């Protein structure tokens, strides 16, 4: 447990982040604190909080975040005023409100990259909604659910769900599944572009599916009993993905 806590501490204090993880648009001070606490517990570290649409637009122009969490009804403002702006940005957005008006919900979630939560909600509800809007974004980008790999004298579709991790060997990339190792004459960088967001590079020679990670150690992760090294510069992104997809770690470092 001590190793894991030290791992988190170092990741959050020594890595330089150039992009906001989450933009919270909320004018109620208590709700600002509550929402910031929830997204922090989900693994997001760079959180910007604004209380007006004008402030939100300034942040979006400077450095678009990876997620927007927006109250529908601000003081003398309605988030509908910037709905067109949000649609054009293609950023996963979750709207929150005390209103359970069905027409309002339909109006705000007509775009699949938008989600809607009625207050009060808990951390797990928000986490599920974030996954849903993220999946919609990936689908809109045309990310395939498979890779085409060599098979006998032709090719076959390899579902991404079957991939445990990828590694490099000279000029080749090796795709590792539970039953085989598939060698491709491509760089790891090229292959990663064909994967979805569950895959994260943890080392210059390794990329893993975070959903397959069972244990987190100070300098490595375990996947089906195999230990994969984790470099210092990849720790923060790995932690973020683990929190996003796997929830929180237990005292033994195992994910549930």
Protein backbone atom coordinates (compact mmCIF):
# COMPACT_ATOMS: atom_id res chain seq x y z
CA UNK A 1 0.00 0.00 0.00
CA UNK A 2 2.84 2.40 0.77
CA UNK A 3 4.27 1.95 -2.72
CA UNK A 4 0.93 2.75 -4.30
CA UNK A 5 0.37 5.91 -2.28
CA UNK A 6 3.88 7.14 -3.09
CA UNK A 7 3.19 6.40 -6.75
CA UNK A 8 0.08 8.59 -6.75
CA UNK A 9 1.79 11.41 -4.85
CA UNK A 10 4.70 11.64 -7.24
CA UNK A 11 2.47 11.51 -10.28
CA UNK A 12 0.40 14.45 -9.14
CA UNK A 13 3.16 16.72 -7.96
CA UNK A 14 6.01 16.35 -10.42
CA UNK A 15 4.42 15.87 -13.83
CA UNK A 16 3.74 18.95 -15.94
CA UNK A 17 0.24 19.09 -17.39
CA UNK A 18 -0.51 21.40 -20.32
CA UNK A 19 -4.19 20.63 -20.72
CA UNK A 20 -7.23 20.87 -18.45
CA UNK A 21 -8.72 17.48 -17.65
CA UNK A 22 -12.16 18.74 -16.64
CA UNK A 23 -13.96 22.07 -17.00
CA UNK A 24 -16.74 22.50 -14.43
CA UNK A 25 -19.34 25.16 -15.25
CA UNK A 26 -21.19 25.82 -11.99
CA UNK A 27 -22.13 29.00 -10.11
CA UNK A 28 -23.14 27.52 -6.76
CA UNK A 29 -20.14 27.41 -4.41
CA UNK A 30 -21.22 24.28 -2.55
CA UNK A 31 -21.88 22.43 -5.79
CA UNK A 32 -18.51 23.58 -7.13
CA UNK A 33 -16.80 21.94 -4.16
CA UNK A 34 -18.89 18.78 -4.45
CA UNK A 35 -18.37 18.34 -8.20
CA UNK A 36 -14.65 19.01 -7.92
CA UNK A 37 -14.38 16.40 -5.16
CA UNK A 38 -16.20 13.78 -7.23
CA UNK A 39 -14.12 14.23 -10.38
CA UNK A 40 -10.95 14.27 -8.25
CA UNK A 41 -11.93 10.89 -6.82
CA UNK A 42 -12.38 9.63 -10.39
CA UNK A 43 -8.71 10.37 -11.07
CA UNK A 44 -8.86 13.75 -12.80
CA UNK A 45 -6.24 16.15 -11.47
CA UNK A 46 -6.33 19.30 -13.60
CA UNK A 47 -9.76 20.77 -12.87
CA UNK A 48 -10.90 24.24 -13.92
CA UNK A 49 -14.02 25.70 -12.28
CA UNK A 50 -15.92 28.67 -13.76
CA UNK A 51 -19.22 30.25 -12.79
CA UNK A 52 -20.44 31.80 -16.06
CA UNK A 53 -20.75 31.09 -19.76
CA UNK A 54 -18.40 33.96 -20.55
CA UNK A 55 -15.66 32.44 -18.35
CA UNK A 56 -16.30 29.01 -19.87
CA UNK A 57 -15.83 30.33 -23.40
CA UNK A 58 -12.49 31.89 -22.44
CA UNK A 59 -11.21 28.56 -21.08
CA UNK A 60 -12.45 26.67 -24.15
CA UNK A 61 -10.63 29.06 -26.46
CA UNK A 62 -7.36 28.74 -24.56
CA UNK A 63 -7.12 24.99 -23.88
CA UNK A 64 -10.07 22.68 -24.61
CA UNK A 65 -10.52 20.15 -21.76
CA UNK A 66 -11.00 16.42 -22.14
CA UNK A 67 -14.37 16.60 -20.31
CA UNK A 68 -16.98 19.26 -19.54
CA UNK A 69 -19.32 19.06 -16.54
CA UNK A 70 -21.96 21.81 -16.80
CA UNK A 71 -24.87 22.97 -14.66
CA UNK A 72 -27.86 23.65 -16.91
CA UNK A 73 -29.22 26.64 -15.02
CA UNK A 74 -26.68 29.27 -14.00
CA UNK A 75 -27.55 32.61 -12.41
CA UNK A 76 -29.41 34.61 -15.11
CA UNK A 77 -28.00 32.20 -17.75
CA UNK A 78 -28.94 28.92 -19.37
CA UNK A 79 -26.39 26.47 -20.74
CA UNK A 80 -28.54 26.25 -23.88
CA UNK A 81 -26.93 29.55 -24.86
CA UNK A 82 -23.66 27.76 -25.61
CA UNK A 83 -25.07 24.47 -26.88
CA UNK A 84 -23.94 25.17 -30.47
CA UNK A 85 -20.42 25.95 -29.21
CA UNK A 86 -20.27 22.66 -27.33
CA UNK A 87 -21.53 20.68 -30.33
CA UNK A 88 -18.77 22.07 -32.53
CA UNK A 89 -16.03 21.18 -30.03
CA UNK A 90 -16.73 17.42 -29.93
CA UNK A 91 -15.78 17.30 -26.24
CA UNK A 92 -17.57 14.76 -24.00
CA UNK A 93 -20.04 16.84 -21.95
CA UNK A 94 -22.24 15.89 -19.00
CA UNK A 95 -25.04 18.30 -18.08
CA UNK A 96 -26.34 18.31 -14.50
CA UNK A 97 -29.55 19.75 -13.10
CA UNK A 98 -32.20 19.29 -10.42
CA UNK A 99 -34.79 19.22 -13.21
CA UNK A 100 -36.07 15.88 -14.50
CA UNK A 101 -37.98 17.54 -17.35
CA UNK A 102 -37.98 15.04 -20.22
CA UNK A 103 -38.14 17.70 -22.94
CA UNK A 104 -35.10 19.49 -21.50
CA UNK A 105 -33.21 16.20 -21.33
CA UNK A 106 -34.01 15.40 -24.97
CA UNK A 107 -32.97 18.89 -26.04
CA UNK A 108 -29.61 18.61 -24.32
CA UNK A 109 -28.82 15.02 -25.25
CA UNK A 110 -29.84 15.12 -28.91
CA UNK A 111 -26.12 14.87 -29.60
CA UNK A 112 -24.72 11.48 -28.55
CA UNK A 113 -21.59 13.03 -27.05
CA UNK A 114 -23.76 14.73 -24.41
CA UNK A 115 -25.05 13.15 -21.22
CA UNK A 116 -27.57 14.32 -18.61
CA UNK A 117 -27.72 13.61 -14.88
CA UNK A 118 -30.44 14.63 -12.45
CA UNK A 119 -29.23 15.76 -9.04
CA UNK A 120 -28.52 14.34 -6.58
CA UNK A 121 -26.21 11.74 -8.16
CA UNK A 122 -23.22 9.79 -6.86
CA UNK A 123 -19.70 9.16 -8.13
CA UNK A 124 -20.58 5.87 -9.84
CA UNK A 125 -23.44 7.48 -11.79
CA UNK A 126 -21.13 10.20 -13.06
CA UNK A 127 -18.41 7.67 -13.89
CA UNK A 128 -20.88 5.60 -15.95
CA UNK A 129 -22.10 8.68 -17.80
CA UNK A 130 -18.52 9.76 -18.59
CA UNK A 131 -17.80 6.33 -20.05
CA UNK A 132 -20.97 6.55 -22.15
CA UNK A 133 -20.18 9.95 -23.71
CA UNK A 134 -16.54 8.97 -24.22
CA UNK A 135 -17.63 5.84 -26.09
CA UNK A 136 -19.89 7.95 -28.30
CA UNK A 137 -17.01 10.26 -29.17
CA UNK A 138 -14.80 7.32 -30.11
CA UNK A 139 -17.54 5.85 -32.27
CA UNK A 140 -18.03 9.16 -34.04
CA UNK A 141 -14.32 9.26 -34.85
CA UNK A 142 -14.64 5.95 -36.63
CA UNK A 143 -12.42 3.94 -34.33
CA UNK A 144 -12.75 0.28 -35.26
CA UNK A 145 -13.47 -2.43 -32.72
CA UNK A 146 -10.86 -4.67 -34.35
CA UNK A 147 -7.44 -4.77 -36.00
CA UNK A 148 -6.67 -6.46 -39.29
CA UNK A 149 -3.79 -8.89 -38.74
CA UNK A 150 -2.07 -11.53 -40.86
CA UNK A 151 -3.58 -15.00 -40.71
CA UNK A 152 -2.23 -17.90 -42.76
CA UNK A 153 -2.27 -16.59 -46.37
CA UNK A 154 -4.62 -13.69 -45.75
CA UNK A 155 -5.92 -11.45 -42.97
CA UNK A 156 -8.37 -11.77 -40.11
CA UNK A 157 -10.16 -9.38 -37.81
CA UNK A 158 -8.73 -9.38 -34.28
CA UNK A 159 -11.26 -7.86 -31.80
CA UNK A 160 -9.67 -5.18 -29.61
CA UNK A 161 -11.30 -6.88 -26.60
CA UNK A 162 -8.92 -9.83 -27.07
CA UNK A 163 -5.74 -7.73 -26.86
CA UNK A 164 -3.96 -7.76 -23.49
CA UNK A 165 -1.03 -5.55 -24.41
CA UNK A 166 1.29 -4.55 -27.27
CA UNK A 167 5.08 -4.41 -27.21
CA UNK A 168 7.93 -3.56 -29.54
CA UNK A 169 10.71 -5.81 -30.80
CA UNK A 170 13.13 -4.12 -33.18
CA UNK A 171 11.18 -2.84 -36.17
CA UNK A 172 8.14 -4.92 -35.26
CA UNK A 173 5.18 -4.57 -32.92
CA UNK A 174 3.86 -7.64 -31.13
CA UNK A 175 0.18 -7.93 -30.21
CA UNK A 176 -0.34 -10.19 -27.19
CA UNK A 177 -3.62 -11.99 -26.54
CA UNK A 178 -4.44 -14.77 -24.10
CA UNK A 179 -3.65 -17.41 -26.75
CA UNK A 180 -1.15 -15.94 -29.21
CA UNK A 181 1.53 -13.35 -30.02
CA UNK A 182 1.00 -11.67 -33.38
CA UNK A 183 3.96 -9.94 -35.02
CA UNK A 184 3.34 -6.94 -37.29
CA UNK A 185 5.83 -4.85 -39.24
CA UNK A 186 4.54 -1.58 -37.82
CA UNK A 187 5.70 0.78 -35.12
CA UNK A 188 3.90 0.80 -31.79
CA UNK A 189 3.00 4.43 -32.42
CA UNK A 190 1.24 3.49 -35.68
CA UNK A 191 -0.73 0.69 -34.04
CA UNK A 192 -1.85 2.82 -31.10
CA UNK A 193 -3.58 5.18 -33.55
CA UNK A 194 -5.86 2.28 -34.53
CA UNK A 195 -6.88 1.52 -30.93
CA UNK A 196 -9.56 3.05 -28.74
CA UNK A 197 -9.14 4.99 -25.51
CA UNK A 198 -8.90 1.97 -23.19
CA UNK A 199 -5.32 1.47 -24.45
CA UNK A 200 -2.57 3.56 -22.90
CA UNK A 201 1.17 3.62 -23.44
CA UNK A 202 2.92 2.77 -20.17
CA UNK A 203 6.49 2.52 -21.45
CA UNK A 204 8.37 3.25 -24.67
CA UNK A 205 8.09 -0.46 -25.43
CA UNK A 206 4.62 -1.27 -24.04
CA UNK A 207 0.98 -0.28 -24.45
CA UNK A 208 -1.72 -1.98 -22.35
CA UNK A 209 -5.48 -2.33 -22.18
CA UNK A 210 -6.23 -0.79 -18.78
CA UNK A 211 -9.33 -2.95 -18.44
CA UNK A 212 -7.06 -6.00 -18.32
CA UNK A 213 -4.87 -4.62 -15.49
CA UNK A 214 -5.37 -6.54 -12.24
CA UNK A 215 -2.67 -5.02 -10.02
CA UNK A 216 -0.86 -1.71 -9.87
CA UNK A 217 2.65 -1.55 -8.45
CA UNK A 218 5.08 1.34 -8.04
CA UNK A 219 6.84 0.71 -11.37
CA UNK A 220 4.72 -1.90 -13.15
CA UNK A 221 1.26 -3.39 -13.73
CA UNK A 222 0.12 -7.00 -13.80
CA UNK A 223 -1.98 -8.47 -16.60
CA UNK A 224 -2.88 -12.16 -16.25
CA UNK A 225 0.19 -12.71 -14.10
CA UNK A 226 2.58 -10.96 -16.49
CA UNK A 227 4.44 -7.93 -15.18
CA UNK A 228 4.58 -4.95 -17.57
CA UNK A 229 7.00 -2.09 -16.75
CA UNK A 230 5.67 1.44 -16.28
CA UNK A 231 7.92 4.43 -16.96
CA UNK A 232 7.88 7.57 -14.84
CA UNK A 233 6.59 9.79 -17.65
CA UNK A 234 3.60 7.52 -18.31
CA UNK A 235 2.39 7.19 -14.71
CA UNK A 236 -0.08 10.06 -14.65
CA UNK A 237 -1.92 9.03 -17.81
CA UNK A 238 -2.01 5.42 -16.64
CA UNK A 239 -3.55 6.41 -13.29
CA UNK A 240 -6.12 8.56 -15.03
CA UNK A 241 -7.16 5.72 -17.32
CA UNK A 242 -7.26 3.19 -14.49
CA UNK A 243 -9.55 5.44 -12.46
CA UNK A 244 -11.73 6.10 -15.50
CA UNK A 245 -12.20 2.47 -16.53
CA UNK A 246 -11.56 0.35 -13.45
CA UNK A 247 -12.73 2.41 -10.49
CA UNK A 248 -10.50 2.75 -7.42
CA UNK A 249 -7.76 0.44 -6.19
CA UNK A 250 -7.95 -1.62 -3.02
CA UNK A 251 -5.35 -1.81 -0.28
CA UNK A 252 -3.55 -4.60 -2.13
CA UNK A 253 -3.42 -2.59 -5.34
CA UNK A 254 -5.90 -4.90 -7.07
CA UNK A 255 -8.66 -3.42 -9.20
CA UNK A 256 -12.22 -4.59 -8.98
